[in-house]
N, C-alpha and C. Protein backbone atom coordinates (compact mmCIF):
# COMPACT_ATOMS: atom_id res chain seq x y z
N MET A 1 5.27 7.46 16.41
CA MET A 1 3.96 6.98 14.71
C MET A 1 5.64 6.04 13.86
N LEU A 2 5.10 5.20 12.90
CA LEU A 2 5.40 4.60 12.37
C LEU A 2 4.52 4.49 10.52
N ARG A 3 6.02 5.31 9.68
CA ARG A 3 4.84 5.07 8.41
C ARG A 3 5.49 4.02 7.49
N HIS A 4 4.47 3.36 7.00
CA HIS A 4 4.80 2.31 5.82
C HIS A 4 4.65 2.91 3.94
N ILE A 5 5.90 2.74 3.48
CA ILE A 5 5.33 3.10 2.28
C ILE A 5 5.61 2.33 1.23
N PHE A 6 4.26 1.90 0.10
CA PHE A 6 5.07 1.13 -0.33
C PHE A 6 4.49 1.43 -2.37
N ILE A 7 5.40 1.48 -3.20
CA ILE A 7 4.67 2.26 -4.74
C ILE A 7 5.50 0.57 -5.39
N ILE A 8 4.59 0.55 -6.28
CA ILE A 8 4.23 -0.35 -6.60
C ILE A 8 4.00 -0.07 -8.77
N ASN A 9 4.64 -0.02 -9.64
CA ASN A 9 4.11 -0.18 -11.57
C ASN A 9 2.87 -0.74 -11.94
N VAL A 10 2.40 -0.19 -12.38
CA VAL A 10 1.03 -1.15 -13.11
C VAL A 10 1.87 -1.49 -14.07
N LYS A 11 1.45 -3.44 -14.18
CA LYS A 11 1.03 -3.81 -15.32
C LYS A 11 0.68 -3.00 -16.04
N GLU A 12 1.98 -3.46 -17.97
CA GLU A 12 1.12 -2.45 -19.07
C GLU A 12 0.28 -3.09 -19.30
N GLY A 13 -0.74 -3.16 -19.79
CA GLY A 13 -1.78 -3.34 -20.53
C GLY A 13 -2.98 -4.25 -19.18
N ILE A 14 -3.03 -3.55 -17.36
CA ILE A 14 -3.94 -3.56 -16.70
C ILE A 14 -5.08 -2.63 -17.20
N SER A 15 -6.03 -3.29 -16.86
CA SER A 15 -7.15 -1.90 -16.94
C SER A 15 -7.24 -0.94 -15.68
N ASP A 16 -8.01 0.06 -15.72
CA ASP A 16 -8.38 0.98 -14.84
C ASP A 16 -8.70 0.14 -13.68
N ASP A 17 -10.03 -0.47 -14.77
CA ASP A 17 -10.89 -0.84 -13.07
C ASP A 17 -9.91 -2.02 -12.03
N VAL A 18 -9.48 -2.95 -13.08
CA VAL A 18 -8.72 -4.00 -12.50
C VAL A 18 -7.99 -2.80 -11.23
N VAL A 19 -7.23 -1.85 -11.64
CA VAL A 19 -6.30 -1.38 -10.84
C VAL A 19 -6.98 -0.17 -9.32
N GLU A 20 -7.92 -0.25 -9.99
CA GLU A 20 -9.28 1.21 -8.74
C GLU A 20 -9.32 -0.62 -7.77
N GLN A 21 -9.98 -1.63 -8.34
CA GLN A 21 -10.30 -2.54 -7.60
C GLN A 21 -9.00 -2.76 -6.76
N LYS A 22 -7.93 -3.02 -6.88
CA LYS A 22 -6.87 -3.61 -5.76
C LYS A 22 -7.18 -2.09 -5.03
N MET A 23 -6.67 -0.82 -5.53
CA MET A 23 -6.58 0.14 -4.35
C MET A 23 -7.84 -0.22 -3.57
N ALA A 24 -9.14 -0.43 -4.17
CA ALA A 24 -10.07 -0.46 -3.29
C ALA A 24 -9.94 -1.85 -2.03
N GLU A 25 -9.68 -2.48 -2.22
CA GLU A 25 -8.82 -3.84 -1.55
C GLU A 25 -7.71 -3.20 -0.64
N MET A 26 -6.75 -2.29 -1.14
CA MET A 26 -5.57 -2.02 0.11
C MET A 26 -5.88 -1.25 0.87
N ARG A 27 -7.43 0.06 0.50
CA ARG A 27 -8.04 0.41 1.05
C ARG A 27 -8.81 0.00 2.56
N ALA A 28 -9.47 -0.57 2.24
CA ALA A 28 -10.52 -2.20 2.87
C ALA A 28 -10.02 -2.31 4.05
N MET A 29 -8.20 -2.44 4.19
CA MET A 29 -7.60 -2.99 5.32
C MET A 29 -7.56 -2.50 6.45
N LYS A 30 -8.16 -0.96 6.24
CA LYS A 30 -8.39 0.08 7.72
C LYS A 30 -9.36 -0.51 8.26
N GLU A 31 -10.47 -0.74 7.81
CA GLU A 31 -12.05 -1.98 8.28
C GLU A 31 -11.50 -2.66 9.24
N ILE A 32 -10.92 -3.77 8.62
CA ILE A 32 -10.54 -5.09 9.14
C ILE A 32 -9.60 -4.84 10.21
N GLU A 33 -8.19 -4.14 9.54
CA GLU A 33 -7.01 -4.24 10.77
C GLU A 33 -6.89 -2.82 11.68
N THR A 34 -7.32 -3.02 12.89
CA THR A 34 -7.14 -2.55 13.87
C THR A 34 -5.68 -1.17 13.89
N VAL A 35 -4.76 -2.04 14.23
CA VAL A 35 -3.92 -1.66 14.00
C VAL A 35 -3.30 -0.51 12.80
N ILE A 36 -4.39 -0.20 12.18
CA ILE A 36 -3.70 0.88 10.90
C ILE A 36 -4.62 1.77 11.30
N GLU A 37 -3.52 3.20 11.58
CA GLU A 37 -4.39 4.10 11.73
C GLU A 37 -5.11 4.98 10.99
N ASP A 38 -3.94 5.10 9.54
CA ASP A 38 -4.72 5.67 8.80
C ASP A 38 -4.02 5.48 7.42
N ILE A 39 -4.88 5.20 6.07
CA ILE A 39 -4.06 4.87 4.79
C ILE A 39 -4.50 5.86 4.12
N THR A 40 -3.41 5.22 2.88
CA THR A 40 -3.94 6.83 1.77
C THR A 40 -3.32 5.71 0.68
N VAL A 41 -4.01 6.01 -0.44
CA VAL A 41 -3.47 4.76 -1.27
C VAL A 41 -4.00 5.72 -2.76
N GLY A 42 -2.96 5.77 -3.87
CA GLY A 42 -3.63 6.27 -5.34
C GLY A 42 -3.05 6.47 -6.43
N ARG A 43 -2.72 6.39 -7.22
CA ARG A 43 -2.16 6.32 -8.58
C ARG A 43 -1.47 7.74 -9.38
N THR A 44 0.25 7.39 -8.94
CA THR A 44 0.77 8.01 -9.87
C THR A 44 -0.03 9.32 -10.74
N ARG A 45 0.04 10.28 -10.63
CA ARG A 45 -0.10 11.29 -11.62
C ARG A 45 1.10 10.98 -13.19
N GLY A 46 2.28 11.05 -12.72
CA GLY A 46 3.71 10.86 -14.20
C GLY A 46 3.85 12.84 -13.91
N LEU A 47 3.30 13.08 -12.71
CA LEU A 47 4.19 14.66 -13.03
C LEU A 47 5.56 14.73 -12.87
N PHE A 48 6.42 13.89 -12.16
CA PHE A 48 7.54 13.41 -12.27
C PHE A 48 8.03 12.05 -11.09
N GLY A 49 8.86 11.67 -11.72
CA GLY A 49 8.89 10.14 -11.53
C GLY A 49 8.30 8.98 -12.07
N ARG A 50 7.77 8.05 -11.19
CA ARG A 50 7.01 6.59 -11.97
C ARG A 50 6.01 7.20 -12.61
N PRO A 51 5.51 7.14 -13.92
CA PRO A 51 4.27 7.19 -14.74
C PRO A 51 2.95 6.59 -14.62
N ASP A 52 3.70 5.34 -14.46
CA ASP A 52 2.15 5.18 -13.85
C ASP A 52 2.09 3.61 -12.69
N ALA A 53 2.15 4.53 -11.63
CA ALA A 53 2.45 2.69 -10.49
C ALA A 53 1.28 3.70 -9.33
N VAL A 54 1.17 2.68 -8.21
CA VAL A 54 0.34 3.07 -7.58
C VAL A 54 0.83 2.66 -5.41
N MET A 55 0.61 3.94 -5.00
CA MET A 55 1.38 4.32 -3.89
C MET A 55 0.37 3.92 -2.59
N MET A 56 0.90 3.52 -1.62
CA MET A 56 0.01 3.12 -1.02
C MET A 56 0.82 3.54 0.81
N VAL A 57 0.16 4.95 1.60
CA VAL A 57 0.87 5.34 2.46
C VAL A 57 0.31 4.57 3.70
N VAL A 58 1.09 3.74 4.64
CA VAL A 58 0.00 3.00 6.04
C VAL A 58 0.44 3.92 6.91
N ASP A 59 0.26 4.45 8.33
CA ASP A 59 0.51 5.20 9.36
C ASP A 59 -0.31 4.12 10.58
N LEU A 60 0.71 3.61 11.17
CA LEU A 60 0.67 2.29 12.06
C LEU A 60 1.44 3.30 13.98
N LYS A 61 1.09 2.90 14.97
CA LYS A 61 1.40 3.36 16.19
C LYS A 61 2.57 2.87 16.28
N ASP A 62 3.55 1.56 15.88
CA ASP A 62 4.59 1.66 16.31
C ASP A 62 5.17 0.22 15.59
N LYS A 63 6.70 -0.01 15.55
CA LYS A 63 7.04 -1.57 14.82
C LYS A 63 5.95 -2.54 15.30
N ALA A 64 5.77 -2.99 16.31
CA ALA A 64 4.47 -4.16 17.15
C ALA A 64 3.44 -3.80 15.69
N ALA A 65 2.60 -3.16 15.85
CA ALA A 65 1.53 -2.80 14.70
C ALA A 65 1.87 -2.91 13.43
N PHE A 66 2.49 -2.73 12.71
CA PHE A 66 3.97 -3.40 11.65
C PHE A 66 3.61 -4.52 11.40
N ASP A 67 4.37 -5.05 12.58
CA ASP A 67 4.46 -6.79 12.14
C ASP A 67 3.28 -7.22 12.51
N VAL A 68 1.90 -6.91 13.28
CA VAL A 68 0.57 -7.61 13.52
C VAL A 68 0.40 -7.36 12.25
N LEU A 69 -0.17 -6.07 11.11
CA LEU A 69 0.17 -5.75 10.31
C LEU A 69 0.49 -7.43 8.98
N LEU A 70 1.51 -6.97 9.07
CA LEU A 70 2.12 -7.69 8.01
C LEU A 70 2.05 -8.96 8.21
N ARG A 71 2.03 -9.90 9.36
CA ARG A 71 1.36 -11.23 9.61
C ARG A 71 -0.61 -11.49 9.11
N SER A 72 -0.66 -10.52 9.01
CA SER A 72 -2.83 -10.45 9.31
C SER A 72 -2.56 -10.98 7.98
N ARG A 73 -4.29 -11.89 7.74
CA ARG A 73 -4.64 -13.12 6.94
C ARG A 73 -4.33 -11.68 5.74
N THR A 74 -5.45 -10.52 5.66
CA THR A 74 -5.25 -9.23 5.41
C THR A 74 -4.76 -9.16 4.64
N HIS A 75 -3.58 -8.83 5.13
CA HIS A 75 -2.52 -8.39 4.33
C HIS A 75 -1.44 -8.92 3.52
N ILE A 76 -1.85 -10.65 4.13
CA ILE A 76 -1.24 -11.37 2.71
C ILE A 76 -2.16 -12.09 1.91
N ASP A 77 -2.96 -12.27 1.95
CA ASP A 77 -4.43 -12.56 0.61
C ASP A 77 -3.58 -11.10 -0.61
N ILE A 78 -3.68 -10.06 -0.16
CA ILE A 78 -3.57 -8.55 -0.49
C ILE A 78 -2.50 -9.15 -1.48
N ALA A 79 -0.95 -9.17 -0.75
CA ALA A 79 0.14 -9.25 -1.17
C ALA A 79 0.35 -10.21 -2.08
N GLU A 80 -0.41 -11.56 -2.00
CA GLU A 80 0.03 -12.70 -2.76
C GLU A 80 -1.04 -12.54 -3.93
N LYS A 81 -2.36 -11.72 -4.65
CA LYS A 81 -2.93 -11.70 -5.12
C LYS A 81 -2.38 -10.15 -5.81
N ALA A 82 -1.31 -9.36 -5.54
CA ALA A 82 -0.56 -8.33 -6.04
C ALA A 82 0.03 -8.20 -7.48
N GLU A 83 0.82 -9.32 -8.38
CA GLU A 83 1.20 -10.11 -9.12
C GLU A 83 -0.28 -9.53 -10.56
N GLU A 84 -1.14 -10.07 -10.01
CA GLU A 84 -2.35 -10.22 -10.97
C GLU A 84 -2.02 -8.41 -11.64
N ALA A 85 -1.93 -7.67 -10.91
CA ALA A 85 -1.77 -6.08 -11.54
C ALA A 85 -0.51 -5.38 -11.54
N PHE A 86 0.56 -5.85 -10.91
CA PHE A 86 1.50 -4.96 -10.89
C PHE A 86 2.55 -5.94 -10.39
N ASP A 87 3.86 -5.29 -11.28
CA ASP A 87 4.91 -5.64 -11.54
C ASP A 87 5.81 -5.66 -10.25
N MET A 88 6.31 -6.93 -10.08
CA MET A 88 6.16 -7.33 -8.27
C MET A 88 7.94 -6.30 -8.09
N GLN A 89 8.64 -6.55 -9.12
CA GLN A 89 10.33 -6.54 -9.05
C GLN A 89 10.43 -4.87 -9.49
N SER A 90 9.46 -4.16 -9.38
CA SER A 90 9.51 -2.66 -9.58
C SER A 90 9.14 -2.26 -8.13
N ALA A 91 8.52 -2.68 -6.96
CA ALA A 91 8.23 -2.18 -5.55
C ALA A 91 8.89 -1.82 -4.60
N ASP A 92 9.06 -0.79 -4.83
CA ASP A 92 9.89 0.19 -3.08
C ASP A 92 9.00 -0.33 -1.99
N ILE A 93 9.69 0.14 -1.15
CA ILE A 93 9.16 -0.66 0.12
C ILE A 93 10.10 0.22 1.22
N ALA A 94 9.73 1.54 1.87
CA ALA A 94 10.21 1.84 3.44
C ALA A 94 9.58 1.68 4.12
N GLN A 95 9.80 2.53 5.40
CA GLN A 95 9.28 2.68 6.64
C GLN A 95 10.62 3.83 7.16
N ILE A 96 9.52 5.16 7.87
CA ILE A 96 9.70 6.06 8.50
C ILE A 96 9.46 5.87 9.90
N GLU A 97 10.15 6.33 11.46
CA GLU A 97 9.54 7.01 12.98
C GLU A 97 9.22 8.37 12.70
N TYR A 98 8.21 8.87 13.29
CA TYR A 98 8.12 10.16 12.89
C TYR A 98 6.91 10.15 14.02
N GLU A 99 7.32 11.84 14.38
CA GLU A 99 6.34 12.17 15.22
C GLU A 99 4.61 13.04 14.67
N PRO A 100 4.16 12.59 14.92
CA PRO A 100 3.35 13.52 14.30
C PRO A 100 2.85 15.10 14.90
N LEU A 101 2.51 15.64 14.15
CA LEU A 101 2.38 17.46 14.34
C LEU A 101 0.85 17.38 15.59
N LYS A 102 1.21 18.29 16.26
CA LYS A 102 0.06 18.70 17.12
C LYS A 102 -0.16 19.85 16.86
């Protein structure tokens, strides 16, 4: 399995409603993009680390599925509109490979 992790700061002054809408759009990718095994999207709580950011964790079967997701119109549309609410320079993006627990 491949886990794609994306963390990005919310721009100052962006309303909670806008952030919630952006997160809903991210979550909705699972309904459209069949290569997504699982997706979790949430807002950080500021307990440790970033005080106001959104984190998305996407599980995919393998790198081929990841490549399909990145090239998908759904992902491209979301990424192109991300700067409406997020500080694009703050993005941290990483992928890990793992074996699911049985």
